Amino acid sequence: MKAVFALLGILCLSMPLLAQSAAAPAAKLNLFARQAKATPDRVGFTHTGAGNIDVSQPSPDTIVLTMTGVAVAGGHPCKHSVASLAFDLEQCFEVSFDPKAVKNVRLTLEGRLIGLLRSHTKGAGSTEVSCSHATVIAGGAAILDVTVPGHTVHCGENLSINDRVGPESVAVGQGKFTLHQKFMVSASHPKALLPCKAASAEFAPDPALDPLWISAFEPFHGASKKDFGLQITVKVTSEEADKPDDKKDDKDKKDDKDKKDDKDKKDDKDKK
């Protein structure tokens, strides 16, 4: 009886391994070296915030790259105010898979941009989000890219942005690639002797932008900001390669069909 229970225990423990081996093999993305920077530039009565660059891998076949930042410019009595936050990222990665196990391997790229642009009628300031771009490079040549359109507001305009581009895809083989991603938020304001509200580009979760920079008549009061920023998703997909048994079955079916066609032709000839 003990031997039976022991055998059942071994079978139960081996079932997950058997299920894993039965699962279709997939292509994977492996992260390598990275260079990333966010550069603030401020002149006059200005503010910048966040400047975060996050690279995560939620699954072996997916990489998510997120940039978040804020730029604000208000009226200065003696000079023109300009604030910007420029992002630049180069991420090396590798596509790996078993050529005998998978086929039709494709690399997919898509982008998403969420945030707020504000300006005020009494301030004459303007604000902009631009350079929202990602390119995959292989062997010194660009093979895949996505660009999220830029936006600008001024003279009292306000804009809530939730843009998505892609997915764009290309067939790839095994090897190393480089993702180059850029992003920029900026705000400007002319000289102002009288107090006035600032113009702001907000593309980062709280508390990147201090509420003191926002008007009491905030046009986007209560907006959810947890997903603010530029997010680029890289994914590799593949199909399971044909197994030898499958090819044999297809050949057998073709042979059976050919035999049937020959038999039908022979019967038609005999009837005639």
C-alpha atoms as a PDB file:
ATOM      1  CA  MET A   1       0.000   0.000   0.000  1.00  0.00           C
ATOM      2  CA  LYS A   2       2.846   2.376   0.829  1.00  0.00           C
ATOM      3  CA  ALA A   3       4.373   1.695  -2.563  1.00  0.00           C
ATOM      4  CA  VAL A   4       1.099   2.707  -4.254  1.00  0.00           C
ATOM      5  CA  PHE A   5       0.947   6.001  -2.338  1.00  0.00           C
ATOM      6  CA  ALA A   6       4.603   6.671  -3.156  1.00  0.00           C
ATOM      7  CA  LEU A   7       3.924   6.058  -6.852  1.00  0.00           C
ATOM      8  CA  LEU A   8       0.912   8.394  -6.770  1.00  0.00           C
ATOM      9  CA  GLY A   9       3.027  11.076  -5.086  1.00  0.00           C
ATOM     10  CA  ILE A  10       5.698  10.824  -7.779  1.00  0.00           C
ATOM     11  CA  LEU A  11       3.058  11.101 -10.493  1.00  0.00           C
ATOM     12  CA  CYS A  12       1.521  14.184  -8.874  1.00  0.00           C
ATOM     13  CA  LEU A  13       4.903  15.886  -8.595  1.00  0.00           C
ATOM     14  CA  SER A  14       5.804  15.095 -12.190  1.00  0.00           C
ATOM     15  CA  MET A  15       2.543  16.407 -13.672  1.00  0.00           C
ATOM     16  CA  PRO A  16       3.594  20.111 -13.653  1.00  0.00           C
ATOM     17  CA  LEU A  17       6.862  19.173 -15.352  1.00  0.00           C
ATOM     18  CA  LEU A  18       5.006  17.177 -17.969  1.00  0.00           C
ATOM     19  CA  ALA A  19       2.615  20.082 -18.566  1.00  0.00           C
ATOM     20  CA  GLN A  20       5.533  22.489 -18.903  1.00  0.00           C
ATOM     21  CA  SER A  21       7.280  20.265 -21.416  1.00  0.00           C
ATOM     22  CA  ALA A  22       4.053  19.873 -23.366  1.00  0.00           C
ATOM     23  CA  ALA A  23       3.607  23.664 -23.626  1.00  0.00           C
ATOM     24  CA  ALA A  24       4.594  25.247 -26.922  1.00  0.00           C
ATOM     25  CA  PRO A  25       8.125  26.677 -26.852  1.00  0.00           C
ATOM     26  CA  ALA A  26       8.293  30.468 -27.279  1.00  0.00           C
ATOM     27  CA  ALA A  27      10.769  33.136 -28.317  1.00  0.00           C
ATOM     28  CA  LYS A  28      12.222  35.218 -25.498  1.00  0.00           C
ATOM     29  CA  LEU A  29      13.689  38.681 -24.939  1.00  0.00           C
ATOM     30  CA  ASN A  30      16.884  39.002 -22.890  1.00  0.00           C
ATOM     31  CA  LEU A  31      17.918  42.408 -21.517  1.00  0.00           C
ATOM     32  CA  PHE A  32      21.519  43.615 -21.790  1.00  0.00           C
ATOM     33  CA  ALA A  33      23.311  46.969 -21.382  1.00  0.00           C
ATOM     34  CA  ARG A  34      21.337  50.187 -21.041  1.00  0.00           C
ATOM     35  CA  GLN A  35      22.047  53.929 -21.083  1.00  0.00           C
ATOM     36  CA  ALA A  36      19.221  56.237 -19.985  1.00  0.00           C
ATOM     37  CA  LYS A  37      19.089  59.883 -18.982  1.00  0.00           C
ATOM     38  CA  ALA A  38      16.558  62.637 -18.291  1.00  0.00           C
ATOM     39  CA  THR A  39      17.928  66.179 -18.619  1.00  0.00           C
ATOM     40  CA  PRO A  40      16.080  69.165 -17.092  1.00  0.00           C
ATOM     41  CA  ASP A  41      16.608  72.687 -18.470  1.00  0.00           C
ATOM     42  CA  ARG A  42      15.198  75.685 -16.563  1.00  0.00           C
ATOM     43  CA  VAL A  43      15.323  79.442 -17.086  1.00  0.00           C
ATOM     44  CA  GLY A  44      13.226  81.972 -15.171  1.00  0.00           C
ATOM     45  CA  PHE A  45      10.217  81.123 -13.027  1.00  0.00           C
ATOM     46  CA  THR A  46       9.974  77.374 -13.727  1.00  0.00           C
ATOM     47  CA  HIS A  47       9.616  73.864 -12.296  1.00  0.00           C
ATOM     48  CA  THR A  48      10.426  70.348 -13.486  1.00  0.00           C
ATOM     49  CA  GLY A  49       9.493  67.072 -11.818  1.00  0.00           C
ATOM     50  CA  ALA A  50       9.794  63.276 -11.971  1.00  0.00           C
ATOM     51  CA  GLY A  51      12.318  62.452 -14.724  1.00  0.00           C
ATOM     52  CA  ASN A  52      11.848  58.732 -14.178  1.00  0.00           C
ATOM     53  CA  ILE A  53      12.854  56.069 -16.709  1.00  0.00           C
ATOM     54  CA  ASP A  54      11.604  52.604 -15.844  1.00  0.00           C
ATOM     55  CA  VAL A  55      12.442  49.391 -17.727  1.00  0.00           C
ATOM     56  CA  SER A  56      10.540  46.264 -16.672  1.00  0.00           C
ATOM     57  CA  GLN A  57      10.006  42.758 -18.039  1.00  0.00           C
ATOM     58  CA  PRO A  58       6.597  41.439 -16.930  1.00  0.00           C
ATOM     59  CA  SER A  59       7.088  38.220 -18.936  1.00  0.00           C
ATOM     60  CA  PRO A  60       9.974  36.572 -20.844  1.00  0.00           C
ATOM     61  CA  ASP A  61       8.583  37.761 -24.199  1.00  0.00           C
ATOM     62  CA  THR A  62       7.734  41.379 -23.225  1.00  0.00           C
ATOM     63  CA  ILE A  63       9.662  44.529 -22.272  1.00  0.00           C
ATOM     64  CA  VAL A  64       7.905  47.706 -21.062  1.00  0.00           C
ATOM     65  CA  LEU A  65       9.758  51.055 -21.052  1.00  0.00           C
ATOM     66  CA  THR A  66       8.136  54.045 -19.310  1.00  0.00           C
ATOM     67  CA  MET A  67       9.206  57.702 -19.169  1.00  0.00           C
ATOM     68  CA  THR A  68       7.480  60.227 -16.861  1.00  0.00           C
ATOM     69  CA  GLY A  69       8.068  63.943 -16.432  1.00  0.00           C
ATOM     70  CA  VAL A  70       6.619  67.389 -15.724  1.00  0.00           C
ATOM     71  CA  ALA A  71       7.554  70.871 -16.981  1.00  0.00           C
ATOM     72  CA  VAL A  72       6.031  74.170 -15.756  1.00  0.00           C
ATOM     73  CA  ALA A  73       6.744  77.806 -16.664  1.00  0.00           C
ATOM     74  CA  GLY A  74       5.245  80.968 -15.129  1.00  0.00           C
ATOM     75  CA  GLY A  75       5.630  84.712 -15.650  1.00  0.00           C
ATOM     76  CA  HIS A  76       8.939  86.277 -14.510  1.00  0.00           C
ATOM     77  CA  PRO A  77       9.181  90.079 -14.293  1.00  0.00           C
ATOM     78  CA  CYS A  78      12.633  90.287 -15.892  1.00  0.00           C
ATOM     79  CA  LYS A  79      13.042  87.384 -18.297  1.00  0.00           C
ATOM     80  CA  HIS A  80      11.357  84.829 -20.516  1.00  0.00           C
ATOM     81  CA  SER A  81      10.723  81.564 -18.642  1.00  0.00           C
ATOM     82  CA  VAL A  82      11.421  78.190 -20.269  1.00  0.00           C
ATOM     83  CA  ALA A  83      11.370  74.696 -18.729  1.00  0.00           C
ATOM     84  CA  SER A  84      11.968  71.370 -20.420  1.00  0.00           C
ATOM     85  CA  LEU A  85      12.707  67.768 -19.523  1.00  0.00           C
ATOM     86  CA  ALA A  86      14.320  65.692 -22.282  1.00  0.00           C
ATOM     87  CA  PHE A  87      14.602  61.886 -22.114  1.00  0.00           C
ATOM     88  CA  ASP A  88      16.952  59.615 -24.026  1.00  0.00           C
ATOM     89  CA  LEU A  89      17.242  55.822 -23.691  1.00  0.00           C
ATOM     90  CA  GLU A  90      19.249  53.120 -25.433  1.00  0.00           C
ATOM     91  CA  GLN A  91      18.375  49.566 -24.370  1.00  0.00           C
ATOM     92  CA  CYS A  92      20.181  46.543 -25.825  1.00  0.00           C
ATOM     93  CA  PHE A  93      18.273  43.266 -25.920  1.00  0.00           C
ATOM     94  CA  GLU A  94      18.448  39.860 -27.541  1.00  0.00           C
ATOM     95  CA  VAL A  95      15.839  37.728 -29.264  1.00  0.00           C
ATOM     96  CA  SER A  96      16.427  34.041 -28.562  1.00  0.00           C
ATOM     97  CA  PHE A  97      14.537  30.902 -29.570  1.00  0.00           C
ATOM     98  CA  ASP A  98      15.002  27.354 -30.803  1.00  0.00           C
ATOM     99  CA  PRO A  99      14.755  27.449 -34.640  1.00  0.00           C
ATOM    100  CA  LYS A 100      13.627  23.821 -34.650  1.00  0.00           C
ATOM    101  CA  ALA A 101      10.792  24.497 -32.208  1.00  0.00           C
ATOM    102  CA  VAL A 102       9.302  27.810 -33.409  1.00  0.00           C
ATOM    103  CA  LYS A 103       8.603  29.626 -36.676  1.00  0.00           C
ATOM    104  CA  ASN A 104       7.305  33.012 -37.864  1.00  0.00           C
ATOM    105  CA  VAL A 105       9.067  34.970 -35.108  1.00  0.00           C
ATOM    106  CA  ARG A 106       7.988  38.620 -35.115  1.00  0.00           C
ATOM    107  CA  LEU A 107       9.005  41.641 -33.053  1.00  0.00           C
ATOM    108  CA  THR A 108       6.156  44.018 -32.160  1.00  0.00           C
ATOM    109  CA  LEU A 109       6.337  47.639 -31.014  1.00  0.00           C
ATOM    110  CA  GLU A 110       3.553  49.864 -29.693  1.00  0.00           C
ATOM    111  CA  GLY A 111       3.354  53.172 -27.823  1.00  0.00           C
ATOM    112  CA  ARG A 112       0.998  54.910 -25.407  1.00  0.00           C
ATOM    113  CA  LEU A 113       1.026  58.524 -24.188  1.00  0.00           C
ATOM    114  CA  ILE A 114      -1.157  59.825 -21.325  1.00  0.00           C
ATOM    115  CA  GLY A 115      -1.017  63.249 -19.704  1.00  0.00           C
ATOM    116  CA  LEU A 116      -2.314  66.824 -19.432  1.00  0.00           C
ATOM    117  CA  LEU A 117      -1.369  70.129 -21.090  1.00  0.00           C
ATOM    118  CA  ARG A 118      -2.535  73.379 -19.497  1.00  0.00           C
ATOM    119  CA  SER A 119      -2.332  77.073 -20.404  1.00  0.00           C
ATOM    120  CA  HIS A 120      -4.149  80.170 -19.127  1.00  0.00           C
ATOM    121  CA  THR A 121      -5.786  83.081 -20.913  1.00  0.00           C
ATOM    122  CA  LYS A 122      -4.205  85.629 -18.555  1.00  0.00           C
ATOM    123  CA  GLY A 123      -0.727  84.151 -18.811  1.00  0.00           C
ATOM    124  CA  ALA A 124       0.051  83.853 -22.554  1.00  0.00           C
ATOM    125  CA  GLY A 125       2.163  80.784 -21.797  1.00  0.00           C
ATOM    126  CA  SER A 126       2.400  77.664 -23.940  1.00  0.00           C
ATOM    127  CA  THR A 127       3.283  74.044 -23.293  1.00  0.00           C
ATOM    128  CA  GLU A 128       4.174  71.053 -25.441  1.00  0.00           C
ATOM    129  CA  VAL A 129       4.804  67.306 -25.485  1.00  0.00           C
ATOM    130  CA  SER A 130       7.038  66.122 -28.338  1.00  0.00           C
ATOM    131  CA  CYS A 131       9.685  63.651 -29.539  1.00  0.00           C
ATOM    132  CA  SER A 132       7.609  60.664 -28.387  1.00  0.00           C
ATOM    133  CA  HIS A 133       9.464  58.148 -30.510  1.00  0.00           C
ATOM    134  CA  ALA A 134      10.967  54.645 -30.335  1.00  0.00           C
ATOM    135  CA  THR A 135      13.112  52.825 -32.906  1.00  0.00           C
ATOM    136  CA  VAL A 136      14.487  49.285 -32.985  1.00  0.00           C
ATOM    137  CA  ILE A 137      17.914  49.066 -34.617  1.00  0.00           C
ATOM    138  CA  ALA A 138      19.641  45.951 -35.959  1.00  0.00           C
ATOM    139  CA  GLY A 139      23.049  46.017 -37.600  1.00  0.00           C
ATOM    140  CA  GLY A 140      23.077  49.810 -37.660  1.00  0.00           C
ATOM    141  CA  ALA A 141      19.764  50.069 -39.546  1.00  0.00           C
ATOM    142  CA  ALA A 142      16.296  50.911 -38.232  1.00  0.00           C
ATOM    143  CA  ILE A 143      13.927  47.978 -38.746  1.00  0.00           C
ATOM    144  CA  LEU A 144      10.915  49.069 -36.690  1.00  0.00           C
ATOM    145  CA  ASP A 145       9.641  52.341 -35.214  1.00  0.00           C
ATOM    146  CA  VAL A 146       6.596  54.059 -33.692  1.00  0.00           C
ATOM    147  CA  THR A 147       5.935  57.777 -33.186  1.00  0.00           C
ATOM    148  CA  VAL A 148       3.235  59.265 -30.973  1.00  0.00           C
ATOM    149  CA  PRO A 149       2.092  62.629 -32.404  1.00  0.00           C
ATOM    150  CA  GLY A 150       3.099  65.747 -30.486  1.00  0.00           C
ATOM    151  CA  HIS A 151       0.661  68.264 -28.982  1.00  0.00           C
ATOM    152  CA  THR A 152       0.821  71.982 -28.103  1.00  0.00           C
ATOM    153  CA  VAL A 153      -1.550  74.307 -26.213  1.00  0.00           C
ATOM    154  CA  HIS A 154      -1.471  78.096 -25.632  1.00  0.00           C
ATOM    155  CA  CYS A 155      -3.662  81.138 -24.838  1.00  0.00           C
ATOM    156  CA  GLY A 156      -6.075  79.386 -22.489  1.00  0.00           C
ATOM    157  CA  GLU A 157      -6.223  76.022 -24.256  1.00  0.00           C
ATOM    158  CA  ASN A 158      -6.182  72.826 -22.193  1.00  0.00           C
ATOM    159  CA  LEU A 159      -5.802  69.273 -23.408  1.00  0.00           C
ATOM    160  CA  SER A 160      -6.160  65.796 -21.906  1.00  0.00           C
ATOM    161  CA  ILE A 161      -4.169  63.259 -23.931  1.00  0.00           C
ATOM    162  CA  ASN A 162      -4.541  59.488 -24.200  1.00  0.00           C
ATOM    163  CA  ASP A 163      -2.872  58.402 -27.456  1.00  0.00           C
ATOM    164  CA  ARG A 164      -1.934  54.942 -28.661  1.00  0.00           C
ATOM    165  CA  VAL A 165       0.022  53.937 -31.776  1.00  0.00           C
ATOM    166  CA  GLY A 166       0.801  50.519 -33.200  1.00  0.00           C
ATOM    167  CA  PRO A 167       1.267  47.692 -32.916  1.00  0.00           C
ATOM    168  CA  GLU A 168       3.884  47.656 -35.682  1.00  0.00           C
ATOM    169  CA  SER A 169       5.746  44.404 -36.314  1.00  0.00           C
ATOM    170  CA  VAL A 170       8.567  42.920 -38.363  1.00  0.00           C
ATOM    171  CA  ALA A 171       9.916  39.398 -38.889  1.00  0.00           C
ATOM    172  CA  VAL A 172      13.196  38.813 -37.043  1.00  0.00           C
ATOM    173  CA  GLY A 173      15.764  36.125 -36.446  1.00  0.00           C
ATOM    174  CA  GLN A 174      17.928  35.413 -33.442  1.00  0.00           C
ATOM    175  CA  GLY A 175      20.364  38.129 -32.470  1.00  0.00           C
ATOM    176  CA  LYS A 176      20.933  41.393 -30.614  1.00  0.00           C
ATOM    177  CA  PHE A 177      18.983  44.610 -31.138  1.00  0.00           C
ATOM    178  CA  THR A 178      18.968  48.146 -29.713  1.00  0.00           C
ATOM    179  CA  LEU A 179      15.889  50.152 -28.781  1.00  0.00           C
ATOM    180  CA  HIS A 180      16.350  53.941 -28.975  1.00  0.00           C
ATOM    181  CA  GLN A 181      13.569  55.889 -27.250  1.00  0.00           C
ATOM    182  CA  LYS A 182      13.100  59.676 -26.899  1.00  0.00           C
ATOM    183  CA  PHE A 183      10.571  61.879 -25.123  1.00  0.00           C
ATOM    184  CA  MET A 184      10.279  65.566 -24.192  1.00  0.00           C
ATOM    185  CA  VAL A 185       7.935  67.826 -22.232  1.00  0.00           C
ATOM    186  CA  SER A 186       8.341  71.607 -22.231  1.00  0.00           C
ATOM    187  CA  ALA A 187       6.657  74.841 -21.155  1.00  0.00           C
ATOM    188  CA  SER A 188       7.376  78.515 -21.817  1.00  0.00           C
ATOM    189  CA  HIS A 189       6.059  81.861 -20.622  1.00  0.00           C
ATOM    190  CA  PRO A 190       6.851  85.461 -21.639  1.00  0.00           C
ATOM    191  CA  LYS A 191       7.850  88.165 -19.173  1.00  0.00           C
ATOM    192  CA  ALA A 192       5.005  89.236 -16.889  1.00  0.00           C
ATOM    193  CA  LEU A 193       4.933  92.054 -14.351  1.00  0.00           C
ATOM    194  CA  LEU A 194       1.573  91.048 -12.893  1.00  0.00           C
ATOM    195  CA  PRO A 195       0.982  87.652 -11.204  1.00  0.00           C
ATOM    196  CA  CYS A 196      -0.431  85.037 -13.578  1.00  0.00           C
ATOM    197  CA  LYS A 197      -0.920  81.286 -13.682  1.00  0.00           C
ATOM    198  CA  ALA A 198       1.725  79.007 -15.133  1.00  0.00           C
ATOM    199  CA  ALA A 199       1.563  76.762 -18.186  1.00  0.00           C
ATOM    200  CA  SER A 200       2.237  73.099 -17.448  1.00  0.00           C
ATOM    201  CA  ALA A 201       2.909  69.781 -19.177  1.00  0.00           C
ATOM    202  CA  GLU A 202       2.054  66.984 -16.758  1.00  0.00           C
ATOM    203  CA  PHE A 203       3.068  63.480 -17.830  1.00  0.00           C
ATOM    204  CA  ALA A 204       3.931  61.889 -14.487  1.00  0.00           C
ATOM    205  CA  PRO A 205       1.909  60.506 -11.547  1.00  0.00           C
ATOM    206  CA  ASP A 206       1.514  62.508  -8.326  1.00  0.00           C
ATOM    207  CA  PRO A 207       3.385  64.080  -6.584  1.00  0.00           C
ATOM    208  CA  ALA A 208       5.595  65.199  -9.503  1.00  0.00           C
ATOM    209  CA  LEU A 209       3.607  68.429  -9.979  1.00  0.00           C
ATOM    210  CA  ASP A 210       3.067  70.522  -6.839  1.00  0.00           C
ATOM    211  CA  PRO A 211      -0.620  71.604  -6.614  1.00  0.00           C
ATOM    212  CA  LEU A 212       0.547  75.199  -5.965  1.00  0.00           C
ATOM    213  CA  TRP A 213       1.431  75.437  -9.672  1.00  0.00           C
ATOM    214  CA  ILE A 214      -2.129  74.543 -10.709  1.00  0.00           C
ATOM    215  CA  SER A 215      -4.994  77.032 -10.953  1.00  0.00           C
ATOM    216  CA  ALA A 216      -7.784  76.983  -8.378  1.00  0.00           C
ATOM    217  CA  PHE A 217     -10.067  76.492 -11.366  1.00  0.00           C
ATOM    218  CA  GLU A 218      -8.230  73.336 -12.428  1.00  0.00           C
ATOM    219  CA  PRO A 219      -9.897  72.060 -15.652  1.00  0.00           C
ATOM    220  CA  PHE A 220      -8.935  68.432 -14.950  1.00  0.00           C
ATOM    221  CA  HIS A 221      -9.834  68.190 -11.273  1.00  0.00           C
ATOM    222  CA  GLY A 222      -9.975  64.550 -10.116  1.00  0.00           C
ATOM    223  CA  ALA A 223      -8.119  63.129 -13.127  1.00  0.00           C
ATOM    224  CA  SER A 224      -6.494  59.729 -12.552  1.00  0.00           C
ATOM    225  CA  LYS A 225      -2.745  60.138 -13.026  1.00  0.00           C
ATOM    226  CA  LYS A 226      -1.317  56.725 -12.144  1.00  0.00           C
ATOM    227  CA  ASP A 227      -0.680  55.805 -15.815  1.00  0.00           C
ATOM    228  CA  PHE A 228       0.721  59.178 -16.926  1.00  0.00           C
ATOM    229  CA  GLY A 229       3.774  59.197 -19.177  1.00  0.00           C
ATOM    230  CA  LEU A 230       5.119  57.667 -22.376  1.00  0.00           C
ATOM    231  CA  GLN A 231       5.075  53.863 -22.402  1.00  0.00           C
ATOM    232  CA  ILE A 232       6.664  51.741 -25.125  1.00  0.00           C
ATOM    233  CA  THR A 233       6.004  47.986 -25.224  1.00  0.00           C
ATOM    234  CA  VAL A 234       8.284  45.544 -27.059  1.00  0.00           C
ATOM    235  CA  LYS A 235       6.994  42.013 -27.575  1.00  0.00           C
ATOM    236  CA  VAL A 236       8.201  38.942 -29.460  1.00  0.00           C
ATOM    237  CA  THR A 237       5.727  36.394 -30.791  1.00  0.00           C
ATOM    238  CA  SER A 238       6.135  33.055 -32.521  1.00  0.00           C
ATOM    239  CA  GLU A 239       4.309  29.968 -33.726  1.00  0.00           C
ATOM    240  CA  GLU A 240       5.078  26.380 -32.882  1.00  0.00           C
ATOM    241  CA  ALA A 241       7.001  24.684 -35.666  1.00  0.00           C
ATOM    242  CA  ASP A 242       5.469  21.734 -37.503  1.00  0.00           C
ATOM    243  CA  LYS A 243       6.314  18.418 -35.879  1.00  0.00           C
ATOM    244  CA  PRO A 244       7.622  15.491 -37.961  1.00  0.00           C
ATOM    245  CA  ASP A 245       4.474  13.491 -37.153  1.00  0.00           C
ATOM    246  CA  ASP A 246       2.318  16.352 -38.430  1.00  0.00           C
ATOM    247  CA  LYS A 247       4.270  16.475 -41.678  1.00  0.00           C
ATOM    248  CA  LYS A 248       3.900  12.705 -42.028  1.00  0.00           C
ATOM    249  CA  ASP A 249       0.138  12.945 -41.462  1.00  0.00           C
ATOM    250  CA  ASP A 250      -0.128  15.671 -44.095  1.00  0.00           C
ATOM    251  CA  LYS A 251       1.837  13.516 -46.552  1.00  0.00           C
ATOM    252  CA  ASP A 252      -0.389  10.512 -45.847  1.00  0.00           C
ATOM    253  CA  LYS A 253      -3.504  12.604 -46.425  1.00  0.00           C
ATOM    254  CA  LYS A 254      -2.094  13.871 -49.714  1.00  0.00           C
ATOM    255  CA  ASP A 255      -1.228  10.337 -50.825  1.00  0.00           C
ATOM    256  CA  ASP A 256      -4.744   9.125 -49.931  1.00  0.00           C
ATOM    257  CA  LYS A 257      -6.252  11.987 -51.901  1.00  0.00           C
ATOM    258  CA  ASP A 258      -4.077  11.230 -54.926  1.00  0.00           C
ATOM    259  CA  LYS A 259      -5.049   7.559 -54.786  1.00  0.00           C
ATOM    260  CA  LYS A 260      -8.742   8.465 -54.583  1.00  0.00           C
ATOM    261  CA  ASP A 261      -8.441  10.819 -57.560  1.00  0.00           C
ATOM    262  CA  ASP A 262      -6.677   8.122 -59.589  1.00  0.00           C
ATOM    263  CA  LYS A 263      -9.388   5.603 -58.678  1.00  0.00           C
ATOM    264  CA  ASP A 264     -12.166   8.032 -59.683  1.00  0.00           C
ATOM    265  CA  LYS A 265     -10.463   8.691 -63.035  1.00  0.00           C
ATOM    266  CA  LYS A 266     -10.110   4.956 -63.653  1.00  0.00           C
ATOM    267  CA  ASP A 267     -13.790   4.318 -62.824  1.00  0.00           C
ATOM    268  CA  ASP A 268     -14.856   7.103 -65.176  1.00  0.00           C
ATOM    269  CA  LYS A 269     -12.707   5.598 -67.920  1.00  0.00           C
ATOM    270  CA  ASP A 270     -14.198   2.097 -67.377  1.00  0.00           C
ATOM    271  CA  LYS A 271     -17.738   3.487 -67.602  1.00  0.00           C
ATOM    272  CA  LYS A 272     -16.938   5.109 -70.912  1.00  0.00           C
END
